[in-house]
Amino acid sequence: MIIVIGSVVTTPDIHDAVLDLSLEHVARSRGEPGCISHNVHVDCEDPARVVFVEYWTDMPALLAHFEVPASRDFVKRLRKLSPTPSDMKIFEAEPRQIA
């Protein structure tokens, strides 16, 4: 399983636009092959930070997601809005049950 954790910083004048754009992106992404979960959250400790948490079946599914024209457009639009570069980390993980 692939886990993606990303974030972007907003300002009061762009916050709602970033959230609208982000909600549209995650809703669309959830329907892509290999997407287990794709969510966006506002950081409770820093409301100017929007956090993305994604789970993908494997790296090929994530790479295919990156190539979807709407995903590429989302990144371009987000970069134009945010005053700072976004952050993204990709992890490979194995789910485990703890008894």
N, C-alpha and C. Protein backbone atom coordinates (compact mmCIF):
# COMPACT_ATOMS: atom_id res chain seq x y z
N MET A 1 0.85 -1.17 0.00
CA MET A 1 0.00 0.00 0.00
C MET A 1 0.89 1.23 0.00
N ILE A 2 0.44 2.25 -0.69
CA ILE A 2 1.16 3.53 -0.76
C ILE A 2 0.34 4.56 0.02
N ILE A 3 1.01 5.31 0.87
CA ILE A 3 0.37 6.39 1.63
C ILE A 3 1.02 7.70 1.22
N VAL A 4 0.19 8.67 0.91
CA VAL A 4 0.67 10.01 0.54
C VAL A 4 0.14 10.99 1.57
N ILE A 5 1.05 11.78 2.12
CA ILE A 5 0.69 12.85 3.05
C ILE A 5 1.19 14.15 2.43
N GLY A 6 0.29 15.07 2.19
CA GLY A 6 0.67 16.34 1.59
C GLY A 6 0.02 17.49 2.31
N SER A 7 0.54 18.67 2.10
CA SER A 7 -0.07 19.85 2.71
C SER A 7 0.22 21.08 1.88
N VAL A 8 -0.62 22.07 2.09
CA VAL A 8 -0.47 23.36 1.43
C VAL A 8 -0.91 24.43 2.41
N VAL A 9 -0.25 25.57 2.34
CA VAL A 9 -0.56 26.70 3.22
C VAL A 9 -1.51 27.65 2.50
N THR A 10 -2.50 28.12 3.23
CA THR A 10 -3.44 29.09 2.67
C THR A 10 -3.30 30.42 3.40
N THR A 11 -4.00 31.39 2.91
CA THR A 11 -4.15 32.68 3.58
C THR A 11 -5.65 32.97 3.62
N PRO A 12 -6.09 33.89 4.46
CA PRO A 12 -7.53 34.13 4.56
C PRO A 12 -8.22 34.43 3.22
N ASP A 13 -7.53 35.11 2.33
CA ASP A 13 -8.16 35.48 1.06
C ASP A 13 -8.26 34.33 0.06
N ILE A 14 -7.49 33.25 0.25
CA ILE A 14 -7.56 32.11 -0.68
C ILE A 14 -8.05 30.83 -0.02
N HIS A 15 -8.25 30.86 1.28
CA HIS A 15 -8.58 29.63 2.03
C HIS A 15 -9.79 28.90 1.44
N ASP A 16 -10.89 29.60 1.23
CA ASP A 16 -12.09 28.96 0.70
C ASP A 16 -11.87 28.42 -0.71
N ALA A 17 -11.14 29.14 -1.53
CA ALA A 17 -10.85 28.67 -2.88
C ALA A 17 -10.00 27.40 -2.85
N VAL A 18 -9.03 27.34 -1.95
CA VAL A 18 -8.19 26.15 -1.82
C VAL A 18 -9.04 24.96 -1.36
N LEU A 19 -9.92 25.20 -0.38
CA LEU A 19 -10.78 24.11 0.09
C LEU A 19 -11.72 23.62 -1.01
N ASP A 20 -12.34 24.52 -1.74
CA ASP A 20 -13.24 24.12 -2.83
C ASP A 20 -12.50 23.30 -3.88
N LEU A 21 -11.35 23.79 -4.29
CA LEU A 21 -10.53 23.10 -5.28
C LEU A 21 -10.11 21.72 -4.76
N SER A 22 -9.72 21.66 -3.50
CA SER A 22 -9.25 20.42 -2.89
C SER A 22 -10.37 19.40 -2.76
N LEU A 23 -11.54 19.85 -2.33
CA LEU A 23 -12.68 18.93 -2.19
C LEU A 23 -13.08 18.35 -3.54
N GLU A 24 -13.04 19.17 -4.57
CA GLU A 24 -13.34 18.69 -5.92
C GLU A 24 -12.32 17.64 -6.35
N HIS A 25 -11.05 17.90 -6.06
CA HIS A 25 -9.97 16.97 -6.43
C HIS A 25 -10.10 15.64 -5.71
N VAL A 26 -10.32 15.65 -4.40
CA VAL A 26 -10.39 14.38 -3.68
C VAL A 26 -11.62 13.58 -4.09
N ALA A 27 -12.73 14.25 -4.33
CA ALA A 27 -13.95 13.54 -4.75
C ALA A 27 -13.71 12.84 -6.08
N ARG A 28 -13.06 13.50 -7.01
CA ARG A 28 -12.77 12.90 -8.31
C ARG A 28 -11.76 11.77 -8.18
N SER A 29 -10.74 12.00 -7.36
CA SER A 29 -9.67 11.01 -7.22
C SER A 29 -10.16 9.70 -6.62
N ARG A 30 -11.16 9.76 -5.76
CA ARG A 30 -11.68 8.54 -5.12
C ARG A 30 -12.20 7.53 -6.13
N GLY A 31 -12.58 7.97 -7.30
CA GLY A 31 -13.09 7.07 -8.32
C GLY A 31 -12.02 6.47 -9.22
N GLU A 32 -10.79 6.83 -9.00
CA GLU A 32 -9.71 6.31 -9.85
C GLU A 32 -9.32 4.90 -9.44
N PRO A 33 -8.90 4.08 -10.42
CA PRO A 33 -8.45 2.72 -10.10
C PRO A 33 -7.29 2.77 -9.11
N GLY A 34 -7.37 1.94 -8.09
CA GLY A 34 -6.29 1.85 -7.10
C GLY A 34 -6.39 2.81 -5.95
N CYS A 35 -7.36 3.73 -5.98
CA CYS A 35 -7.52 4.65 -4.86
C CYS A 35 -8.32 3.96 -3.75
N ILE A 36 -7.70 3.82 -2.60
CA ILE A 36 -8.37 3.24 -1.44
C ILE A 36 -9.08 4.35 -0.66
N SER A 37 -8.40 5.47 -0.51
CA SER A 37 -8.96 6.60 0.23
C SER A 37 -8.21 7.86 -0.18
N HIS A 38 -8.94 8.97 -0.25
CA HIS A 38 -8.32 10.25 -0.63
C HIS A 38 -9.10 11.34 0.11
N ASN A 39 -8.44 11.99 1.07
CA ASN A 39 -9.13 12.95 1.93
C ASN A 39 -8.34 14.23 2.09
N VAL A 40 -9.07 15.28 2.45
CA VAL A 40 -8.47 16.58 2.73
C VAL A 40 -8.99 17.06 4.07
N HIS A 41 -8.11 17.67 4.86
CA HIS A 41 -8.45 18.12 6.21
C HIS A 41 -7.83 19.50 6.46
N VAL A 42 -8.45 20.25 7.34
CA VAL A 42 -7.86 21.49 7.83
C VAL A 42 -7.14 21.15 9.13
N ASP A 43 -5.89 21.52 9.23
CA ASP A 43 -5.08 21.25 10.42
C ASP A 43 -5.68 21.98 11.63
N CYS A 44 -6.03 21.24 12.67
CA CYS A 44 -6.64 21.83 13.87
C CYS A 44 -5.69 22.76 14.62
N GLU A 45 -4.40 22.51 14.51
CA GLU A 45 -3.43 23.34 15.21
C GLU A 45 -2.98 24.53 14.38
N ASP A 46 -3.16 24.44 13.08
CA ASP A 46 -2.80 25.54 12.18
C ASP A 46 -3.84 25.59 11.06
N PRO A 47 -4.94 26.32 11.27
CA PRO A 47 -6.03 26.35 10.29
C PRO A 47 -5.65 26.88 8.91
N ALA A 48 -4.47 27.45 8.78
CA ALA A 48 -4.01 27.91 7.48
C ALA A 48 -3.35 26.78 6.68
N ARG A 49 -3.25 25.62 7.29
CA ARG A 49 -2.62 24.46 6.63
C ARG A 49 -3.70 23.44 6.27
N VAL A 50 -3.74 23.08 5.01
CA VAL A 50 -4.66 22.07 4.50
C VAL A 50 -3.85 20.81 4.25
N VAL A 51 -4.34 19.68 4.76
CA VAL A 51 -3.59 18.42 4.72
C VAL A 51 -4.34 17.38 3.89
N PHE A 52 -3.60 16.70 3.04
CA PHE A 52 -4.14 15.62 2.21
C PHE A 52 -3.60 14.29 2.73
N VAL A 53 -4.48 13.30 2.85
CA VAL A 53 -4.09 11.95 3.24
C VAL A 53 -4.69 11.00 2.21
N GLU A 54 -3.81 10.25 1.55
CA GLU A 54 -4.23 9.36 0.47
C GLU A 54 -3.69 7.96 0.70
N TYR A 55 -4.48 6.96 0.33
CA TYR A 55 -4.07 5.56 0.35
C TYR A 55 -4.30 4.99 -1.04
N TRP A 56 -3.26 4.39 -1.61
CA TRP A 56 -3.32 3.78 -2.94
C TRP A 56 -2.88 2.33 -2.86
N THR A 57 -3.42 1.50 -3.74
CA THR A 57 -3.08 0.08 -3.70
C THR A 57 -1.61 -0.17 -3.98
N ASP A 58 -1.04 0.61 -4.92
CA ASP A 58 0.36 0.40 -5.28
C ASP A 58 0.89 1.64 -6.01
N MET A 59 2.19 1.65 -6.26
CA MET A 59 2.83 2.79 -6.90
C MET A 59 2.33 3.03 -8.33
N PRO A 60 2.10 1.99 -9.13
CA PRO A 60 1.56 2.25 -10.47
C PRO A 60 0.22 3.00 -10.44
N ALA A 61 -0.63 2.69 -9.47
CA ALA A 61 -1.91 3.41 -9.35
C ALA A 61 -1.68 4.88 -9.02
N LEU A 62 -0.74 5.15 -8.11
CA LEU A 62 -0.44 6.54 -7.76
C LEU A 62 0.16 7.28 -8.94
N LEU A 63 1.08 6.65 -9.64
CA LEU A 63 1.69 7.30 -10.80
C LEU A 63 0.66 7.57 -11.89
N ALA A 64 -0.29 6.67 -12.06
CA ALA A 64 -1.38 6.90 -13.03
C ALA A 64 -2.22 8.10 -12.59
N HIS A 65 -2.45 8.23 -11.28
CA HIS A 65 -3.19 9.37 -10.73
C HIS A 65 -2.47 10.68 -11.07
N PHE A 66 -1.16 10.69 -10.94
CA PHE A 66 -0.38 11.89 -11.23
C PHE A 66 -0.49 12.29 -12.70
N GLU A 67 -0.78 11.34 -13.57
CA GLU A 67 -0.86 11.61 -15.01
C GLU A 67 -2.26 12.01 -15.48
N VAL A 68 -3.25 11.89 -14.63
CA VAL A 68 -4.61 12.29 -15.00
C VAL A 68 -4.61 13.80 -15.24
N PRO A 69 -5.10 14.26 -16.39
CA PRO A 69 -5.08 15.69 -16.68
C PRO A 69 -5.71 16.55 -15.58
N ALA A 70 -6.78 16.10 -14.98
CA ALA A 70 -7.42 16.87 -13.91
C ALA A 70 -6.53 16.97 -12.68
N SER A 71 -5.74 15.94 -12.41
CA SER A 71 -4.81 15.98 -11.28
C SER A 71 -3.69 16.98 -11.55
N ARG A 72 -3.18 16.96 -12.76
CA ARG A 72 -2.13 17.91 -13.13
C ARG A 72 -2.65 19.35 -13.06
N ASP A 73 -3.88 19.55 -13.52
CA ASP A 73 -4.50 20.87 -13.47
C ASP A 73 -4.69 21.32 -12.02
N PHE A 74 -5.10 20.39 -11.16
CA PHE A 74 -5.26 20.71 -9.74
C PHE A 74 -3.95 21.23 -9.14
N VAL A 75 -2.86 20.55 -9.42
CA VAL A 75 -1.56 20.96 -8.88
C VAL A 75 -1.19 22.35 -9.39
N LYS A 76 -1.37 22.59 -10.67
CA LYS A 76 -1.05 23.91 -11.24
C LYS A 76 -1.88 25.01 -10.59
N ARG A 77 -3.16 24.75 -10.43
CA ARG A 77 -4.05 25.76 -9.84
C ARG A 77 -3.71 25.99 -8.37
N LEU A 78 -3.39 24.93 -7.65
CA LEU A 78 -3.03 25.06 -6.24
C LEU A 78 -1.74 25.85 -6.08
N ARG A 79 -0.76 25.59 -6.94
CA ARG A 79 0.52 26.32 -6.88
C ARG A 79 0.32 27.81 -7.12
N LYS A 80 -0.62 28.15 -8.00
CA LYS A 80 -0.89 29.57 -8.26
C LYS A 80 -1.54 30.25 -7.06
N LEU A 81 -2.33 29.50 -6.30
CA LEU A 81 -3.04 30.08 -5.16
C LEU A 81 -2.17 30.21 -3.92
N SER A 82 -1.39 29.19 -3.62
CA SER A 82 -0.67 29.14 -2.34
C SER A 82 0.55 30.07 -2.33
N PRO A 83 0.78 30.74 -1.20
CA PRO A 83 1.95 31.62 -1.09
C PRO A 83 3.27 30.87 -0.89
N THR A 84 3.19 29.58 -0.57
CA THR A 84 4.39 28.78 -0.36
C THR A 84 4.27 27.46 -1.13
N PRO A 85 5.39 26.81 -1.41
CA PRO A 85 5.32 25.51 -2.10
C PRO A 85 4.59 24.48 -1.24
N SER A 86 3.89 23.58 -1.90
CA SER A 86 3.22 22.50 -1.17
C SER A 86 4.26 21.48 -0.74
N ASP A 87 3.84 20.60 0.17
CA ASP A 87 4.72 19.55 0.68
C ASP A 87 4.04 18.21 0.41
N MET A 88 4.82 17.21 -0.02
CA MET A 88 4.26 15.89 -0.24
C MET A 88 5.30 14.84 0.10
N LYS A 89 4.85 13.84 0.87
CA LYS A 89 5.70 12.71 1.20
C LYS A 89 4.96 11.44 0.82
N ILE A 90 5.69 10.47 0.25
CA ILE A 90 5.11 9.21 -0.19
C ILE A 90 5.77 8.09 0.61
N PHE A 91 4.92 7.20 1.16
CA PHE A 91 5.39 6.10 1.98
C PHE A 91 4.87 4.78 1.44
N GLU A 92 5.67 3.75 1.55
CA GLU A 92 5.22 2.40 1.25
C GLU A 92 4.98 1.71 2.59
N ALA A 93 3.82 1.11 2.74
CA ALA A 93 3.46 0.53 4.04
C ALA A 93 2.75 -0.80 3.86
N GLU A 94 2.81 -1.59 4.91
CA GLU A 94 2.08 -2.85 4.99
C GLU A 94 1.08 -2.73 6.13
N PRO A 95 -0.21 -2.91 5.85
CA PRO A 95 -1.18 -2.83 6.95
C PRO A 95 -1.01 -4.00 7.92
N ARG A 96 -1.20 -3.72 9.18
CA ARG A 96 -1.10 -4.75 10.23
C ARG A 96 -2.27 -4.58 11.19
N GLN A 97 -2.75 -5.71 11.68
CA GLN A 97 -3.79 -5.71 12.70
C GLN A 97 -3.12 -5.88 14.06
N ILE A 98 -3.50 -5.07 15.00
CA ILE A 98 -2.98 -5.19 16.35
C ILE A 98 -4.09 -5.76 17.22
N ALA A 99 -3.79 -6.89 17.84
CA ALA A 99 -4.82 -7.56 18.65
C ALA A 99 -4.84 -7.02 20.05
